[in-house]
Amino acid sequence: ADSRMAFGIDAKIVPGQIKRLSVGDLVLPVAEREGLMLEVTVAETEGVGSIAVYACDDGRPDTVSLNYGASATVSNAVLVGKGKEICFESNQGAHLIVDTVGVLGKGGDSLLTFNPFRLFDSRGTARLLANVESEVNVAGIESIPTNTTGVVLNVTSTGSEETGFLSVYACGQGNNGTSSLSFNATSETSGMVVSRVDPRGKICMMSSVDTDVLIDATAGF
C-alpha cells in the first residue's frame, strides 16, 4: 500500500488517526498464519515522531515500530501478529508505504540465530551504482548453513549524496521496486531486512541511487 498513490491507504496519516489496512488471506489464510513481516516506510514527515504498527485485533502496544525526524524518509522491518487488518498510528503527519516481505506460517522452517558477522562491505570493493543489480554470496558463508532458504540481515547505506532506497531480494525473482531500506542524502541508515536466498545460495540488491552498502548476517532459516 502507498498513501501517495491512493492505493489501500487513501491519504497521509494524521496525528490521532488510526489507519486500517485490510490484508485478508494474504499469501496464506489467516487460520494458517502466525504473522506478517512488513517493510514500513514513512515519507514527507511533518515533524519528529514515531509510528506504531500492529494487528488491529491485538490492540495498540506500548512500543513503537519506527522513529523518524522531520521532513524525512525512513523505513524499518516490522513483524505483526495474525489478523485480517493492520493498524497504523502516528503522532505526526506522514505518507505511509507498506510492503509485504514475508509470511510466518505454522510449521515453517526453524530460525537459526548466530553471532552476527559482516557479510558484505562495498567500501572494500565498489559502491553500488544506481539501478545496477549486485549479487552477494550467502549460503555456506561462515555460520550460514549451505542449505539456507532465507536470511535475516542488518543492512546499512552510507555515503550517498542523494535520498533513495535499496531493494534486497532473491536473485532471479527480479526487482519489483519495493524498498528494503530507505535513506536520506549524506546520512548513514540501517535496518533489518529478511530475504529469500536463490537456489545458488545468493541474494541480489539494487539501489535507486549510488551508495555504499554494508550487510551483517544475523540469522538464517
N, C-alpha and C. Protein backbone atom coordinates (compact mmCIF):
# COMPACT_ATOMS: atom_id res chain seq x y z
N ALA A 1 0.84 -1.18 0.00
CA ALA A 1 0.00 0.00 0.00
C ALA A 1 0.88 1.24 0.00
N ASP A 2 0.42 2.28 -0.65
CA ASP A 2 1.20 3.52 -0.75
C ASP A 2 0.22 4.69 -0.72
N SER A 3 0.23 5.46 0.38
CA SER A 3 -0.72 6.56 0.52
C SER A 3 -0.49 7.65 -0.50
N ARG A 4 0.71 7.71 -1.09
CA ARG A 4 1.00 8.74 -2.10
C ARG A 4 0.25 8.47 -3.40
N MET A 5 -0.16 7.21 -3.60
CA MET A 5 -0.84 6.84 -4.84
C MET A 5 -2.29 6.44 -4.60
N ALA A 6 -2.80 6.76 -3.40
CA ALA A 6 -4.20 6.46 -3.06
C ALA A 6 -4.51 4.99 -3.27
N PHE A 7 -3.57 4.13 -2.85
CA PHE A 7 -3.77 2.68 -3.00
C PHE A 7 -3.81 2.04 -1.63
N GLY A 8 -4.93 1.45 -1.26
CA GLY A 8 -5.05 0.76 0.02
C GLY A 8 -5.26 1.75 1.15
N ILE A 9 -4.31 2.62 1.36
CA ILE A 9 -4.41 3.69 2.35
C ILE A 9 -4.53 4.97 1.55
N ASP A 10 -5.60 5.74 1.75
CA ASP A 10 -6.00 6.72 0.76
C ASP A 10 -5.38 8.11 0.91
N ALA A 11 -4.62 8.39 1.98
CA ALA A 11 -4.04 9.73 2.15
C ALA A 11 -3.01 9.68 3.26
N LYS A 12 -2.36 10.84 3.48
CA LYS A 12 -1.41 10.92 4.59
C LYS A 12 -2.07 10.52 5.90
N ILE A 13 -1.32 9.82 6.72
CA ILE A 13 -1.78 9.53 8.06
C ILE A 13 -1.61 10.80 8.89
N VAL A 14 -2.56 11.09 9.77
CA VAL A 14 -2.51 12.31 10.57
C VAL A 14 -2.53 11.94 12.04
N PRO A 15 -2.00 12.82 12.92
CA PRO A 15 -1.96 12.52 14.36
C PRO A 15 -3.36 12.22 14.91
N GLY A 16 -3.43 11.23 15.76
CA GLY A 16 -4.68 10.87 16.40
C GLY A 16 -5.57 9.96 15.57
N GLN A 17 -5.14 9.65 14.37
CA GLN A 17 -5.94 8.81 13.48
C GLN A 17 -5.40 7.38 13.47
N ILE A 18 -6.28 6.41 13.40
CA ILE A 18 -5.89 5.01 13.23
C ILE A 18 -6.19 4.62 11.79
N LYS A 19 -5.14 4.36 11.02
CA LYS A 19 -5.32 3.87 9.65
C LYS A 19 -5.40 2.35 9.69
N ARG A 20 -6.37 1.80 9.02
CA ARG A 20 -6.56 0.35 8.98
C ARG A 20 -6.33 -0.14 7.56
N LEU A 21 -5.49 -1.16 7.42
CA LEU A 21 -5.17 -1.75 6.12
C LEU A 21 -5.63 -3.19 6.11
N SER A 22 -6.52 -3.54 5.20
CA SER A 22 -7.02 -4.90 5.09
C SER A 22 -6.00 -5.78 4.37
N VAL A 23 -5.62 -6.89 5.01
CA VAL A 23 -4.69 -7.85 4.39
C VAL A 23 -5.37 -9.18 4.12
N GLY A 24 -6.53 -9.40 4.70
CA GLY A 24 -7.31 -10.60 4.41
C GLY A 24 -6.48 -11.87 4.51
N ASP A 25 -6.68 -12.78 3.55
CA ASP A 25 -5.94 -14.03 3.49
C ASP A 25 -4.72 -13.85 2.61
N LEU A 26 -3.90 -12.87 2.91
CA LEU A 26 -2.72 -12.56 2.10
C LEU A 26 -1.74 -13.72 2.13
N VAL A 27 -1.41 -14.27 0.99
CA VAL A 27 -0.48 -15.39 0.80
C VAL A 27 -1.00 -16.67 1.45
N LEU A 28 -1.30 -16.60 2.75
CA LEU A 28 -1.86 -17.75 3.46
C LEU A 28 -3.16 -17.33 4.14
N PRO A 29 -4.12 -18.25 4.29
CA PRO A 29 -5.31 -17.93 5.07
C PRO A 29 -4.93 -17.53 6.48
N VAL A 30 -5.71 -16.64 7.08
CA VAL A 30 -5.41 -16.16 8.43
C VAL A 30 -5.25 -17.32 9.40
N ALA A 31 -6.06 -18.36 9.26
CA ALA A 31 -6.01 -19.51 10.18
C ALA A 31 -4.69 -20.25 10.11
N GLU A 32 -3.95 -20.12 8.99
CA GLU A 32 -2.68 -20.81 8.82
C GLU A 32 -1.48 -19.88 9.02
N ARG A 33 -1.76 -18.66 9.43
CA ARG A 33 -0.72 -17.64 9.52
C ARG A 33 -0.43 -17.30 10.97
N GLU A 34 0.86 -17.16 11.30
CA GLU A 34 1.25 -16.72 12.63
C GLU A 34 1.57 -15.23 12.66
N GLY A 35 1.90 -14.67 11.51
CA GLY A 35 2.23 -13.25 11.47
C GLY A 35 2.67 -12.83 10.09
N LEU A 36 2.88 -11.53 9.93
CA LEU A 36 3.35 -10.95 8.68
C LEU A 36 4.61 -10.14 8.94
N MET A 37 5.58 -10.24 8.03
CA MET A 37 6.77 -9.40 8.07
C MET A 37 6.57 -8.29 7.04
N LEU A 38 6.63 -7.04 7.49
CA LEU A 38 6.39 -5.90 6.63
C LEU A 38 7.62 -5.01 6.58
N GLU A 39 7.76 -4.27 5.50
CA GLU A 39 8.72 -3.18 5.42
C GLU A 39 7.88 -1.90 5.40
N VAL A 40 7.98 -1.12 6.47
CA VAL A 40 7.15 0.08 6.63
C VAL A 40 8.03 1.32 6.43
N THR A 41 7.59 2.19 5.54
CA THR A 41 8.33 3.42 5.24
C THR A 41 7.42 4.62 5.48
N VAL A 42 7.96 5.65 6.15
CA VAL A 42 7.26 6.93 6.24
C VAL A 42 8.03 7.94 5.39
N ALA A 43 7.30 8.84 4.74
CA ALA A 43 7.91 9.84 3.87
C ALA A 43 7.19 11.18 4.06
N GLU A 44 7.92 12.25 3.75
CA GLU A 44 7.36 13.60 3.87
C GLU A 44 6.78 13.84 5.26
N THR A 45 7.54 13.44 6.26
CA THR A 45 7.07 13.58 7.64
C THR A 45 6.96 15.06 8.02
N GLU A 46 5.96 15.38 8.84
CA GLU A 46 5.68 16.78 9.20
C GLU A 46 6.27 17.19 10.54
N GLY A 47 7.09 16.33 11.12
CA GLY A 47 7.74 16.65 12.38
C GLY A 47 8.44 15.42 12.92
N VAL A 48 9.16 15.59 14.04
CA VAL A 48 9.81 14.46 14.70
C VAL A 48 8.73 13.62 15.38
N GLY A 49 8.76 12.30 15.13
CA GLY A 49 7.70 11.48 15.71
C GLY A 49 7.98 10.00 15.62
N SER A 50 6.92 9.23 15.76
CA SER A 50 7.02 7.78 15.73
C SER A 50 5.69 7.21 15.26
N ILE A 51 5.74 5.94 14.84
CA ILE A 51 4.53 5.26 14.38
C ILE A 51 4.47 3.87 14.99
N ALA A 52 3.29 3.46 15.40
CA ALA A 52 3.05 2.11 15.90
C ALA A 52 2.32 1.32 14.84
N VAL A 53 2.78 0.09 14.60
CA VAL A 53 2.17 -0.80 13.61
C VAL A 53 1.82 -2.10 14.32
N TYR A 54 0.57 -2.57 14.17
CA TYR A 54 0.17 -3.76 14.91
C TYR A 54 -1.07 -4.38 14.27
N ALA A 55 -1.27 -5.67 14.57
CA ALA A 55 -2.50 -6.33 14.16
C ALA A 55 -3.65 -5.70 14.94
N CYS A 56 -4.66 -5.21 14.22
CA CYS A 56 -5.75 -4.48 14.89
C CYS A 56 -6.40 -5.31 15.99
N ASP A 57 -6.51 -6.61 15.78
CA ASP A 57 -7.15 -7.48 16.77
C ASP A 57 -6.37 -7.53 18.08
N ASP A 58 -5.05 -7.24 18.01
CA ASP A 58 -4.21 -7.32 19.21
C ASP A 58 -4.28 -6.05 20.06
N GLY A 59 -4.73 -4.94 19.49
CA GLY A 59 -4.75 -3.68 20.22
C GLY A 59 -3.41 -2.98 20.18
N ARG A 60 -3.42 -1.67 20.45
CA ARG A 60 -2.21 -0.84 20.39
C ARG A 60 -1.20 -1.25 21.45
N PRO A 61 0.05 -1.57 21.05
CA PRO A 61 1.09 -1.91 22.05
C PRO A 61 1.66 -0.65 22.69
N ASP A 62 2.46 -0.83 23.73
CA ASP A 62 3.11 0.31 24.39
C ASP A 62 4.34 0.77 23.62
N THR A 63 4.85 -0.06 22.73
CA THR A 63 6.06 0.26 21.97
C THR A 63 5.71 0.86 20.62
N VAL A 64 6.73 1.45 19.97
CA VAL A 64 6.55 1.97 18.61
C VAL A 64 7.38 1.12 17.65
N SER A 65 7.04 1.19 16.37
CA SER A 65 7.70 0.37 15.35
C SER A 65 8.76 1.14 14.59
N LEU A 66 8.67 2.47 14.59
CA LEU A 66 9.55 3.27 13.75
C LEU A 66 9.60 4.69 14.29
N ASN A 67 10.82 5.21 14.48
CA ASN A 67 11.02 6.61 14.86
C ASN A 67 11.52 7.38 13.65
N TYR A 68 11.17 8.65 13.54
CA TYR A 68 11.59 9.44 12.38
C TYR A 68 11.79 10.90 12.74
N GLY A 69 12.57 11.60 11.90
CA GLY A 69 12.79 13.02 12.06
C GLY A 69 11.86 13.81 11.16
N ALA A 70 11.98 15.13 11.20
CA ALA A 70 11.16 15.99 10.36
C ALA A 70 11.64 15.95 8.91
N SER A 71 10.70 16.02 7.98
CA SER A 71 10.99 16.04 6.54
C SER A 71 11.87 14.86 6.13
N ALA A 72 11.57 13.69 6.68
CA ALA A 72 12.43 12.52 6.49
C ALA A 72 11.72 11.43 5.72
N THR A 73 12.54 10.51 5.19
CA THR A 73 12.06 9.25 4.63
C THR A 73 12.81 8.14 5.36
N VAL A 74 12.09 7.33 6.12
CA VAL A 74 12.70 6.32 6.99
C VAL A 74 11.91 5.03 6.87
N SER A 75 12.61 3.89 6.90
CA SER A 75 11.93 2.60 6.82
C SER A 75 12.45 1.65 7.90
N ASN A 76 11.66 0.62 8.17
CA ASN A 76 12.07 -0.40 9.13
C ASN A 76 11.26 -1.66 8.89
N ALA A 77 11.85 -2.81 9.19
CA ALA A 77 11.13 -4.08 9.14
C ALA A 77 10.27 -4.20 10.39
N VAL A 78 9.03 -4.64 10.20
CA VAL A 78 8.09 -4.74 11.32
C VAL A 78 7.39 -6.09 11.25
N LEU A 79 7.35 -6.80 12.37
CA LEU A 79 6.65 -8.08 12.47
C LEU A 79 5.34 -7.85 13.21
N VAL A 80 4.23 -8.22 12.59
CA VAL A 80 2.93 -8.06 13.23
C VAL A 80 2.26 -9.42 13.36
N GLY A 81 1.34 -9.52 14.31
CA GLY A 81 0.62 -10.77 14.52
C GLY A 81 -0.41 -11.03 13.44
N LYS A 82 -1.07 -12.17 13.56
CA LYS A 82 -2.06 -12.55 12.55
C LYS A 82 -3.33 -11.74 12.73
N GLY A 83 -4.08 -11.65 11.68
CA GLY A 83 -5.33 -10.89 11.67
C GLY A 83 -5.60 -10.40 10.27
N LYS A 84 -6.83 -9.97 10.03
CA LYS A 84 -7.20 -9.53 8.68
C LYS A 84 -6.98 -8.05 8.46
N GLU A 85 -6.61 -7.31 9.52
CA GLU A 85 -6.34 -5.89 9.38
C GLU A 85 -5.10 -5.50 10.16
N ILE A 86 -4.33 -4.57 9.60
CA ILE A 86 -3.17 -3.99 10.28
C ILE A 86 -3.49 -2.54 10.57
N CYS A 87 -3.16 -2.10 11.78
CA CYS A 87 -3.43 -0.72 12.20
C CYS A 87 -2.13 0.08 12.28
N PHE A 88 -2.25 1.37 11.97
CA PHE A 88 -1.13 2.30 11.99
C PHE A 88 -1.53 3.54 12.77
N GLU A 89 -0.69 3.96 13.73
CA GLU A 89 -0.94 5.19 14.48
C GLU A 89 0.36 5.99 14.53
N SER A 90 0.28 7.25 14.08
CA SER A 90 1.45 8.13 14.06
C SER A 90 1.14 9.40 14.83
N ASN A 91 2.16 9.97 15.48
CA ASN A 91 1.93 11.23 16.19
C ASN A 91 2.32 12.46 15.37
N GLN A 92 2.67 12.23 14.07
CA GLN A 92 2.91 13.32 13.14
C GLN A 92 2.33 12.93 11.78
N GLY A 93 2.00 13.92 10.97
CA GLY A 93 1.53 13.63 9.63
C GLY A 93 2.64 13.04 8.77
N ALA A 94 2.31 12.05 7.94
CA ALA A 94 3.32 11.41 7.09
C ALA A 94 2.64 10.57 6.04
N HIS A 95 3.30 10.43 4.90
CA HIS A 95 2.87 9.43 3.93
C HIS A 95 3.38 8.07 4.40
N LEU A 96 2.66 7.04 4.03
CA LEU A 96 2.93 5.69 4.52
C LEU A 96 3.02 4.73 3.34
N ILE A 97 4.14 3.98 3.28
CA ILE A 97 4.33 2.97 2.25
C ILE A 97 4.56 1.63 2.95
N VAL A 98 3.78 0.63 2.59
CA VAL A 98 3.85 -0.67 3.26
C VAL A 98 4.08 -1.77 2.22
N ASP A 99 5.19 -2.50 2.37
CA ASP A 99 5.50 -3.63 1.50
C ASP A 99 5.44 -4.92 2.33
N THR A 100 4.89 -5.98 1.76
CA THR A 100 4.89 -7.29 2.41
C THR A 100 6.19 -8.01 2.08
N VAL A 101 6.94 -8.40 3.11
CA VAL A 101 8.22 -9.07 2.93
C VAL A 101 8.08 -10.58 3.04
N GLY A 102 7.26 -11.04 3.98
CA GLY A 102 7.12 -12.47 4.18
C GLY A 102 5.95 -12.80 5.09
N VAL A 103 5.64 -14.07 5.15
CA VAL A 103 4.54 -14.58 5.97
C VAL A 103 5.09 -15.66 6.88
N LEU A 104 4.72 -15.62 8.14
CA LEU A 104 5.09 -16.67 9.08
C LEU A 104 3.95 -17.67 9.15
N GLY A 105 4.18 -18.85 8.60
CA GLY A 105 3.16 -19.89 8.61
C GLY A 105 3.40 -20.90 9.73
N LYS A 106 2.39 -21.62 10.09
CA LYS A 106 2.53 -22.65 11.12
C LYS A 106 3.36 -23.80 10.58
N GLY A 107 4.30 -24.28 11.39
CA GLY A 107 5.11 -25.43 11.00
C GLY A 107 6.14 -25.12 9.94
N GLY A 108 6.57 -23.85 9.85
CA GLY A 108 7.56 -23.47 8.85
C GLY A 108 8.97 -23.81 9.27
N ASP A 109 9.95 -23.36 8.47
CA ASP A 109 11.35 -23.62 8.78
C ASP A 109 11.76 -22.96 10.08
N SER A 110 12.65 -23.61 10.83
CA SER A 110 13.14 -23.06 12.09
C SER A 110 14.15 -21.95 11.81
N LEU A 111 14.16 -20.96 12.71
CA LEU A 111 15.10 -19.86 12.60
C LEU A 111 16.39 -20.21 13.33
N LEU A 112 17.53 -20.10 12.66
CA LEU A 112 18.83 -20.37 13.25
C LEU A 112 19.55 -19.05 13.48
N THR A 113 19.75 -18.70 14.75
CA THR A 113 20.47 -17.47 15.07
C THR A 113 21.93 -17.78 15.34
N PHE A 114 22.80 -16.78 15.12
CA PHE A 114 24.24 -16.96 15.35
C PHE A 114 24.85 -15.59 15.63
N ASN A 115 26.10 -15.58 16.02
CA ASN A 115 26.78 -14.30 16.25
C ASN A 115 26.85 -13.53 14.94
N PRO A 116 26.34 -12.30 14.90
CA PRO A 116 26.36 -11.53 13.66
C PRO A 116 27.77 -11.37 13.11
N PHE A 117 27.87 -11.38 11.79
CA PHE A 117 29.17 -11.15 11.15
C PHE A 117 28.97 -10.33 9.88
N ARG A 118 30.03 -9.66 9.44
CA ARG A 118 29.98 -8.82 8.26
C ARG A 118 29.99 -9.71 7.01
N LEU A 119 28.91 -9.68 6.26
CA LEU A 119 28.75 -10.49 5.06
C LEU A 119 29.23 -9.75 3.82
N PHE A 120 29.06 -8.43 3.81
CA PHE A 120 29.37 -7.65 2.61
C PHE A 120 29.68 -6.22 2.99
N ASP A 121 30.66 -5.63 2.30
CA ASP A 121 31.02 -4.23 2.52
C ASP A 121 31.52 -3.67 1.19
N SER A 122 30.70 -2.83 0.56
CA SER A 122 31.08 -2.32 -0.76
C SER A 122 32.24 -1.34 -0.69
N ARG A 123 32.54 -0.84 0.50
CA ARG A 123 33.65 0.11 0.62
C ARG A 123 34.98 -0.56 0.33
N GLY A 124 35.02 -1.88 0.45
CA GLY A 124 36.25 -2.60 0.16
C GLY A 124 36.33 -3.08 -1.27
N THR A 125 35.26 -2.88 -2.03
CA THR A 125 35.24 -3.33 -3.43
C THR A 125 34.81 -2.17 -4.33
N ALA A 126 33.52 -2.09 -4.60
CA ALA A 126 32.99 -0.99 -5.41
C ALA A 126 31.59 -0.67 -4.93
N ARG A 127 31.27 0.61 -4.81
CA ARG A 127 29.96 1.00 -4.32
C ARG A 127 28.87 0.62 -5.31
N LEU A 128 27.64 0.50 -4.82
CA LEU A 128 26.52 0.18 -5.68
C LEU A 128 26.19 1.39 -6.56
N LEU A 129 25.98 1.13 -7.83
CA LEU A 129 25.58 2.18 -8.76
C LEU A 129 24.07 2.14 -8.95
N ALA A 130 23.49 3.27 -9.23
CA ALA A 130 22.04 3.39 -9.34
C ALA A 130 21.47 2.41 -10.37
N ASN A 131 20.47 1.64 -9.92
CA ASN A 131 19.71 0.73 -10.79
C ASN A 131 20.55 -0.36 -11.44
N VAL A 132 21.65 -0.73 -10.80
CA VAL A 132 22.50 -1.84 -11.25
C VAL A 132 22.42 -2.96 -10.21
N GLU A 133 22.04 -4.16 -10.64
CA GLU A 133 21.90 -5.28 -9.72
C GLU A 133 23.25 -5.82 -9.29
N SER A 134 23.40 -6.10 -7.99
CA SER A 134 24.62 -6.69 -7.44
C SER A 134 24.27 -7.99 -6.72
N GLU A 135 25.13 -9.01 -6.86
CA GLU A 135 24.93 -10.30 -6.21
C GLU A 135 25.83 -10.43 -4.98
N VAL A 136 25.32 -11.14 -3.96
CA VAL A 136 26.09 -11.42 -2.76
C VAL A 136 25.95 -12.90 -2.43
N ASN A 137 27.07 -13.60 -2.27
CA ASN A 137 27.05 -15.00 -1.83
C ASN A 137 26.62 -15.07 -0.37
N VAL A 138 25.71 -15.99 -0.08
CA VAL A 138 25.16 -16.10 1.27
C VAL A 138 25.34 -17.51 1.83
N ALA A 139 24.79 -18.52 1.16
CA ALA A 139 24.79 -19.88 1.68
C ALA A 139 26.21 -20.40 1.89
N GLY A 140 26.45 -20.98 3.08
CA GLY A 140 27.75 -21.56 3.39
C GLY A 140 28.80 -20.57 3.84
N ILE A 141 28.47 -19.30 3.92
CA ILE A 141 29.42 -18.29 4.38
C ILE A 141 29.41 -18.26 5.91
N GLU A 142 30.54 -18.53 6.52
CA GLU A 142 30.69 -18.57 7.98
C GLU A 142 29.58 -19.41 8.61
N SER A 143 28.68 -18.79 9.41
CA SER A 143 27.69 -19.56 10.17
C SER A 143 26.41 -19.85 9.41
N ILE A 144 26.28 -19.36 8.19
CA ILE A 144 25.04 -19.58 7.43
C ILE A 144 25.06 -20.97 6.82
N PRO A 145 24.02 -21.78 7.06
CA PRO A 145 24.01 -23.15 6.52
C PRO A 145 24.05 -23.16 4.99
N THR A 146 24.62 -24.21 4.43
CA THR A 146 24.70 -24.32 2.97
C THR A 146 23.33 -24.50 2.33
N ASN A 147 22.36 -25.01 3.11
CA ASN A 147 21.02 -25.25 2.57
C ASN A 147 20.03 -24.18 3.01
N THR A 148 20.52 -23.03 3.43
CA THR A 148 19.62 -21.98 3.90
C THR A 148 18.68 -21.52 2.79
N THR A 149 17.45 -21.21 3.15
CA THR A 149 16.47 -20.72 2.18
C THR A 149 16.16 -19.24 2.37
N GLY A 150 16.62 -18.69 3.49
CA GLY A 150 16.39 -17.27 3.76
C GLY A 150 17.33 -16.76 4.83
N VAL A 151 17.50 -15.45 4.89
CA VAL A 151 18.42 -14.85 5.86
C VAL A 151 17.80 -13.60 6.47
N VAL A 152 18.24 -13.33 7.71
CA VAL A 152 17.90 -12.08 8.40
C VAL A 152 19.16 -11.24 8.43
N LEU A 153 19.08 -10.02 7.94
CA LEU A 153 20.25 -9.17 7.76
C LEU A 153 20.06 -7.82 8.43
N ASN A 154 21.17 -7.20 8.78
CA ASN A 154 21.17 -5.79 9.14
C ASN A 154 21.89 -5.06 8.01
N VAL A 155 21.15 -4.23 7.29
CA VAL A 155 21.67 -3.57 6.09
C VAL A 155 21.86 -2.09 6.36
N THR A 156 23.02 -1.56 5.97
CA THR A 156 23.34 -0.15 6.18
C THR A 156 23.69 0.51 4.86
N SER A 157 23.11 1.68 4.62
CA SER A 157 23.51 2.53 3.49
C SER A 157 24.31 3.70 4.05
N THR A 158 25.42 4.02 3.39
CA THR A 158 26.26 5.12 3.85
C THR A 158 26.93 5.78 2.64
N GLY A 159 27.19 7.07 2.78
CA GLY A 159 27.95 7.79 1.76
C GLY A 159 27.16 8.19 0.53
N SER A 160 25.84 8.10 0.58
CA SER A 160 25.05 8.52 -0.57
C SER A 160 24.89 10.04 -0.58
N GLU A 161 24.95 10.61 -1.74
CA GLU A 161 24.76 12.05 -1.87
C GLU A 161 23.32 12.40 -2.24
N GLU A 162 22.47 11.38 -2.37
CA GLU A 162 21.07 11.59 -2.72
C GLU A 162 20.18 10.74 -1.83
N THR A 163 18.95 11.17 -1.65
CA THR A 163 17.94 10.37 -0.97
C THR A 163 17.51 9.24 -1.89
N GLY A 164 17.36 8.04 -1.34
CA GLY A 164 17.00 6.91 -2.19
C GLY A 164 16.53 5.72 -1.39
N PHE A 165 16.48 4.56 -2.06
CA PHE A 165 16.09 3.34 -1.37
C PHE A 165 16.83 2.15 -1.98
N LEU A 166 16.93 1.10 -1.16
CA LEU A 166 17.64 -0.12 -1.54
C LEU A 166 16.67 -1.29 -1.49
N SER A 167 16.71 -2.14 -2.51
CA SER A 167 15.90 -3.36 -2.54
C SER A 167 16.81 -4.57 -2.41
N VAL A 168 16.43 -5.52 -1.54
CA VAL A 168 17.18 -6.77 -1.33
C VAL A 168 16.21 -7.93 -1.60
N TYR A 169 16.63 -8.90 -2.40
CA TYR A 169 15.72 -9.96 -2.83
C TYR A 169 16.51 -11.15 -3.33
N ALA A 170 15.84 -12.29 -3.47
CA ALA A 170 16.48 -13.47 -4.03
C ALA A 170 16.76 -13.23 -5.51
N CYS A 171 17.98 -13.50 -5.93
CA CYS A 171 18.34 -13.31 -7.33
C CYS A 171 17.42 -14.17 -8.21
N GLY A 172 17.11 -13.65 -9.37
CA GLY A 172 16.27 -14.38 -10.31
C GLY A 172 14.81 -14.04 -10.23
N GLN A 173 14.36 -13.46 -9.10
CA GLN A 173 12.95 -13.12 -9.00
C GLN A 173 12.68 -11.71 -9.51
N GLY A 174 13.75 -10.95 -9.77
CA GLY A 174 13.59 -9.60 -10.29
C GLY A 174 13.29 -8.59 -9.21
N ASN A 175 13.69 -7.36 -9.44
CA ASN A 175 13.43 -6.28 -8.51
C ASN A 175 12.06 -5.68 -8.83
N ASN A 176 11.13 -5.82 -7.87
CA ASN A 176 9.78 -5.32 -8.13
C ASN A 176 9.58 -3.88 -7.66
N GLY A 177 10.68 -3.21 -7.28
CA GLY A 177 10.60 -1.81 -6.92
C GLY A 177 10.22 -1.52 -5.48
N THR A 178 10.06 -2.58 -4.67
CA THR A 178 9.76 -2.34 -3.26
C THR A 178 11.03 -2.01 -2.49
N SER A 179 10.87 -1.29 -1.40
CA SER A 179 12.01 -0.80 -0.62
C SER A 179 12.30 -1.71 0.55
N SER A 180 13.56 -2.14 0.70
CA SER A 180 14.01 -2.84 1.89
C SER A 180 14.61 -1.87 2.90
N LEU A 181 15.14 -0.76 2.39
CA LEU A 181 15.76 0.26 3.24
C LEU A 181 15.67 1.60 2.53
N SER A 182 15.07 2.59 3.17
CA SER A 182 15.04 3.95 2.64
C SER A 182 16.04 4.80 3.40
N PHE A 183 16.70 5.72 2.70
CA PHE A 183 17.74 6.52 3.35
C PHE A 183 17.74 7.94 2.78
N ASN A 184 18.27 8.86 3.58
CA ASN A 184 18.37 10.26 3.19
C ASN A 184 19.79 10.58 2.73
N ALA A 185 19.92 11.65 1.97
CA ALA A 185 21.23 12.07 1.47
C ALA A 185 22.18 12.36 2.63
N THR A 186 23.44 11.96 2.47
CA THR A 186 24.56 12.20 3.41
C THR A 186 24.33 11.55 4.77
N SER A 187 23.36 10.66 4.89
CA SER A 187 23.12 10.01 6.19
C SER A 187 23.58 8.57 6.16
N GLU A 188 23.75 7.98 7.34
CA GLU A 188 24.02 6.56 7.47
C GLU A 188 22.79 5.92 8.09
N THR A 189 22.16 5.01 7.35
CA THR A 189 20.88 4.45 7.76
C THR A 189 20.96 2.94 7.77
N SER A 190 20.46 2.32 8.86
CA SER A 190 20.47 0.86 8.99
C SER A 190 19.06 0.35 9.24
N GLY A 191 18.83 -0.90 8.87
CA GLY A 191 17.54 -1.52 9.13
C GLY A 191 17.62 -3.02 8.97
N MET A 192 16.68 -3.73 9.61
CA MET A 192 16.61 -5.17 9.48
C MET A 192 15.92 -5.53 8.17
N VAL A 193 16.48 -6.52 7.47
CA VAL A 193 15.93 -6.99 6.21
C VAL A 193 15.85 -8.51 6.24
N VAL A 194 14.72 -9.05 5.83
CA VAL A 194 14.56 -10.50 5.69
C VAL A 194 14.43 -10.80 4.20
N SER A 195 15.25 -11.72 3.71
CA SER A 195 15.24 -12.01 2.27
C SER A 195 15.33 -13.51 2.03
N ARG A 196 14.67 -13.96 0.98
CA ARG A 196 14.88 -15.32 0.50
C ARG A 196 16.25 -15.42 -0.17
N VAL A 197 16.75 -16.64 -0.27
CA VAL A 197 18.02 -16.93 -0.94
C VAL A 197 17.71 -17.76 -2.18
N ASP A 198 18.35 -17.44 -3.30
CA ASP A 198 18.06 -18.18 -4.53
C ASP A 198 18.68 -19.58 -4.49
N PRO A 199 18.35 -20.47 -5.42
CA PRO A 199 18.88 -21.84 -5.39
C PRO A 199 20.40 -21.93 -5.44
N ARG A 200 21.08 -20.88 -5.91
CA ARG A 200 22.54 -20.88 -5.94
C ARG A 200 23.15 -20.41 -4.63
N GLY A 201 22.28 -20.01 -3.66
CA GLY A 201 22.77 -19.51 -2.38
C GLY A 201 23.12 -18.04 -2.40
N LYS A 202 22.45 -17.26 -3.25
CA LYS A 202 22.78 -15.84 -3.40
C LYS A 202 21.56 -14.96 -3.13
N ILE A 203 21.84 -13.71 -2.75
CA ILE A 203 20.83 -12.66 -2.73
C ILE A 203 21.29 -11.57 -3.68
N CYS A 204 20.35 -10.76 -4.14
CA CYS A 204 20.66 -9.62 -5.00
C CYS A 204 20.17 -8.34 -4.36
N MET A 205 20.76 -7.23 -4.75
CA MET A 205 20.32 -5.94 -4.26
C MET A 205 20.46 -4.90 -5.36
N MET A 206 19.62 -3.88 -5.26
CA MET A 206 19.66 -2.79 -6.23
C MET A 206 19.28 -1.50 -5.50
N SER A 207 20.03 -0.45 -5.77
CA SER A 207 19.77 0.85 -5.15
C SER A 207 19.26 1.83 -6.20
N SER A 208 18.41 2.74 -5.77
CA SER A 208 17.89 3.74 -6.69
C SER A 208 18.89 4.85 -6.98
N VAL A 209 19.93 4.97 -6.12
CA VAL A 209 20.98 5.97 -6.31
C VAL A 209 22.32 5.34 -5.94
N ASP A 210 23.43 5.97 -6.30
CA ASP A 210 24.75 5.47 -5.92
C ASP A 210 24.90 5.51 -4.41
N THR A 211 25.41 4.43 -3.83
CA THR A 211 25.62 4.39 -2.38
C THR A 211 26.56 3.25 -2.01
N ASP A 212 27.19 3.34 -0.85
CA ASP A 212 27.90 2.20 -0.27
C ASP A 212 26.94 1.43 0.61
N VAL A 213 27.13 0.12 0.67
CA VAL A 213 26.24 -0.75 1.44
C VAL A 213 27.07 -1.72 2.29
N LEU A 214 26.66 -1.88 3.54
CA LEU A 214 27.24 -2.86 4.45
C LEU A 214 26.13 -3.83 4.86
N ILE A 215 26.46 -5.12 4.89
CA ILE A 215 25.47 -6.13 5.28
C ILE A 215 26.06 -7.01 6.37
N ASP A 216 25.35 -7.10 7.49
CA ASP A 216 25.69 -8.03 8.57
C ASP A 216 24.63 -9.13 8.60
N ALA A 217 25.06 -10.38 8.66
CA ALA A 217 24.12 -11.51 8.76
C ALA A 217 23.87 -11.81 10.22
N THR A 218 22.59 -12.01 10.59
CA THR A 218 22.25 -12.26 11.99
C THR A 218 21.53 -13.58 12.21
N ALA A 219 20.88 -14.13 11.16
CA ALA A 219 20.15 -15.39 11.32
C ALA A 219 19.84 -15.98 9.94
N GLY A 220 19.52 -17.28 9.93
CA GLY A 220 19.12 -17.93 8.69
C GLY A 220 18.01 -18.91 8.98
N PHE A 221 17.32 -19.36 7.93
CA PHE A 221 16.26 -20.35 8.08
C PHE A 221 16.10 -21.14 6.78
